[in-house]
């Protein structure tokens, strides 16, 4: 039996290791300058590394808050919105389309969970019917993994 706080599915939105790209890039430029030229831009490279790390920190923090996904036995969290699993009646299968045809399923035009206006980039929708009959879209990079985890929780219960 799983604890209700154990994550059955999780995507962090962004990884903190992304903060290393700016300093690594500046270190590579520093090595190149040390090997090839008489002028080494110590201060400029240090400032650029700090600025790149600062901008990346803002992006990673925002992504971890607004584009993260977590599913437990009792709750689906999409960004800052939380949906009790007990409110989910049906998890729709992935849409399949014939070549050249595209008629969106009804759930594909439904409201997207989370505070964003649409599905975040590089994520895909998972259709849900709520107990009240409403349709919503959950989303994840690994939409098949989220769909499987949701089906397991909705069918088997917490």
Protein backbone atom coordinates (compact mmCIF):
# COMPACT_ATOMS: atom_id res chain seq x y z
CA UNK A 1 0.00 0.00 0.00
CA UNK A 2 1.37 3.42 -0.93
CA UNK A 3 1.33 6.49 1.23
CA UNK A 4 -0.93 9.22 -0.19
CA UNK A 5 2.14 11.50 -0.47
CA UNK A 6 4.18 9.03 -2.56
CA UNK A 7 4.50 10.28 -6.13
CA UNK A 8 3.14 7.84 -8.70
CA UNK A 9 4.20 10.15 -11.52
CA UNK A 10 6.40 13.24 -11.37
CA UNK A 11 7.96 15.76 -13.73
CA UNK A 12 9.85 18.66 -12.15
CA UNK A 13 9.36 21.15 -15.01
CA UNK A 14 13.08 22.02 -15.11
CA UNK A 15 16.26 20.79 -13.50
CA UNK A 16 18.59 22.80 -11.30
CA UNK A 17 21.60 21.47 -13.22
CA UNK A 18 20.65 23.90 -15.99
CA UNK A 19 22.27 26.59 -13.85
CA UNK A 20 25.66 25.15 -14.79
CA UNK A 21 25.42 25.97 -18.51
CA UNK A 22 26.43 29.64 -18.17
CA UNK A 23 29.51 29.02 -16.00
CA UNK A 24 30.56 26.01 -18.14
CA UNK A 25 30.29 28.09 -21.31
CA UNK A 26 32.32 30.91 -19.73
CA UNK A 27 34.94 28.44 -18.48
CA UNK A 28 35.30 27.05 -22.01
CA UNK A 29 35.78 30.59 -23.37
CA UNK A 30 38.34 31.26 -20.61
CA UNK A 31 40.32 28.14 -21.55
CA UNK A 32 40.18 29.16 -25.22
CA UNK A 33 41.45 32.66 -24.37
CA UNK A 34 44.23 31.27 -22.18
CA UNK A 35 45.42 29.00 -24.97
CA UNK A 36 45.12 31.38 -27.92
CA UNK A 37 45.61 34.99 -27.02
CA UNK A 38 47.45 37.58 -25.02
CA UNK A 39 44.22 39.06 -23.58
CA UNK A 40 42.09 37.19 -21.06
CA UNK A 41 38.77 38.78 -20.09
CA UNK A 42 38.62 37.59 -16.46
CA UNK A 43 36.14 40.14 -15.17
CA UNK A 44 33.88 40.09 -18.23
CA UNK A 45 33.66 36.29 -18.22
CA UNK A 46 32.90 36.25 -14.50
CA UNK A 47 30.15 38.86 -14.93
CA UNK A 48 28.65 37.01 -17.91
CA UNK A 49 28.68 33.72 -15.93
CA UNK A 50 26.84 35.37 -13.03
CA UNK A 51 24.30 37.07 -15.33
CA UNK A 52 23.60 33.85 -17.25
CA UNK A 53 23.20 31.94 -13.99
CA UNK A 54 20.81 34.60 -12.68
CA UNK A 55 18.59 34.51 -15.77
CA UNK A 56 18.61 30.72 -15.75
CA UNK A 57 17.70 30.68 -12.06
CA UNK A 58 14.58 32.75 -12.79
CA UNK A 59 13.58 30.43 -15.64
CA UNK A 60 14.16 27.24 -13.67
CA UNK A 61 12.28 28.58 -10.65
CA UNK A 62 9.30 29.54 -12.82
CA UNK A 63 9.30 26.21 -14.64
CA UNK A 64 9.46 24.24 -11.38
CA UNK A 65 6.49 26.20 -10.06
CA UNK A 66 4.26 26.45 -13.16
CA UNK A 67 5.21 23.52 -15.40
CA UNK A 68 5.75 20.71 -12.90
CA UNK A 69 3.46 17.69 -12.65
CA UNK A 70 2.92 15.37 -9.71
CA UNK A 71 0.41 12.57 -9.22
CA UNK A 72 -0.17 10.89 -5.88
CA UNK A 73 -2.87 8.42 -4.90
CA UNK A 74 -5.13 11.30 -3.84
CA UNK A 75 -4.17 14.32 -5.96
CA UNK A 76 -3.03 15.46 -9.41
CA UNK A 77 -0.97 18.67 -9.34
CA UNK A 78 -0.43 20.57 -12.60
CA UNK A 79 1.68 23.63 -11.89
CA UNK A 80 -0.05 25.29 -8.95
CA UNK A 81 -3.51 23.78 -9.57
CA UNK A 82 -4.48 20.72 -7.56
CA UNK A 83 -7.21 18.30 -8.61
CA UNK A 84 -8.39 15.53 -6.27
CA UNK A 85 -8.16 12.14 -7.99
CA UNK A 86 -11.63 11.37 -6.60
CA UNK A 87 -13.00 14.07 -8.96
CA UNK A 88 -11.73 12.22 -12.08
CA UNK A 89 -14.31 9.91 -13.66
CA UNK A 90 -12.62 8.92 -16.95
CA UNK A 91 -9.13 9.09 -18.44
CA UNK A 92 -9.45 9.26 -22.23
CA UNK A 93 -7.11 7.21 -24.46
CA UNK A 94 -4.53 8.93 -26.65
CA UNK A 95 -6.08 10.25 -29.86
CA UNK A 96 -5.32 8.33 -33.05
CA UNK A 97 -5.70 9.97 -36.44
CA UNK A 98 -5.52 8.58 -39.95
CA UNK A 99 -2.98 10.13 -42.31
CA UNK A 100 -4.11 13.56 -43.43
CA UNK A 101 -7.12 13.66 -41.11
CA UNK A 102 -7.37 15.76 -38.00
CA UNK A 103 -10.67 16.21 -36.25
CA UNK A 104 -9.86 17.21 -32.65
CA UNK A 105 -11.47 15.18 -29.90
CA UNK A 106 -13.81 17.11 -27.65
CA UNK A 107 -11.37 16.96 -24.70
CA UNK A 108 -8.57 18.45 -26.85
CA UNK A 109 -10.39 21.79 -26.82
CA UNK A 110 -11.23 21.66 -23.10
CA UNK A 111 -9.75 23.85 -20.39
CA UNK A 112 -6.12 23.11 -19.58
CA UNK A 113 -5.29 22.33 -15.93
CA UNK A 114 -2.87 24.72 -14.27
CA UNK A 115 -2.75 28.48 -14.38
CA UNK A 116 -1.33 28.65 -17.91
CA UNK A 117 -3.56 29.50 -20.87
CA UNK A 118 -2.56 26.42 -22.83
CA UNK A 119 -0.49 23.27 -22.72
CA UNK A 120 3.15 24.20 -22.07
CA UNK A 121 5.68 23.72 -24.86
CA UNK A 122 6.96 20.18 -25.44
CA UNK A 123 4.10 18.74 -23.39
CA UNK A 124 1.09 16.78 -24.59
CA UNK A 125 -2.49 16.67 -23.37
CA UNK A 126 -4.28 13.90 -21.52
CA UNK A 127 -8.07 14.13 -21.61
CA UNK A 128 -10.05 13.79 -18.38
CA UNK A 129 -13.78 13.69 -17.68
CA UNK A 130 -14.61 14.94 -14.21
CA UNK A 131 -17.34 13.55 -11.96
CA UNK A 132 -19.56 16.54 -12.73
CA UNK A 133 -19.32 15.80 -16.47
CA UNK A 134 -16.83 18.54 -17.33
CA UNK A 135 -13.83 17.96 -19.56
CA UNK A 136 -10.28 19.13 -18.80
CA UNK A 137 -6.81 18.50 -20.13
CA UNK A 138 -3.93 17.36 -17.98
CA UNK A 139 -0.49 17.52 -19.60
CA UNK A 140 3.03 16.13 -19.32
CA UNK A 141 6.14 15.50 -21.40
CA UNK A 142 5.57 11.79 -20.87
CA UNK A 143 1.86 11.90 -21.56
CA UNK A 144 1.66 8.12 -21.94
CA UNK A 145 3.25 7.66 -18.51
CA UNK A 146 0.85 10.16 -16.94
CA UNK A 147 -2.12 8.53 -18.68
CA UNK A 148 -1.11 5.07 -17.41
CA UNK A 149 -0.59 6.33 -13.85
CA UNK A 150 -3.93 8.17 -13.92
CA UNK A 151 -5.77 5.12 -15.27
CA UNK A 152 -4.26 2.99 -12.50
CA UNK A 153 -5.30 5.43 -9.78
CA UNK A 154 -8.77 6.11 -11.19
CA UNK A 155 -9.59 2.42 -11.78
CA UNK A 156 -8.03 0.98 -8.61
CA UNK A 157 -8.62 3.95 -6.31
CA UNK A 158 -6.18 5.18 -3.64
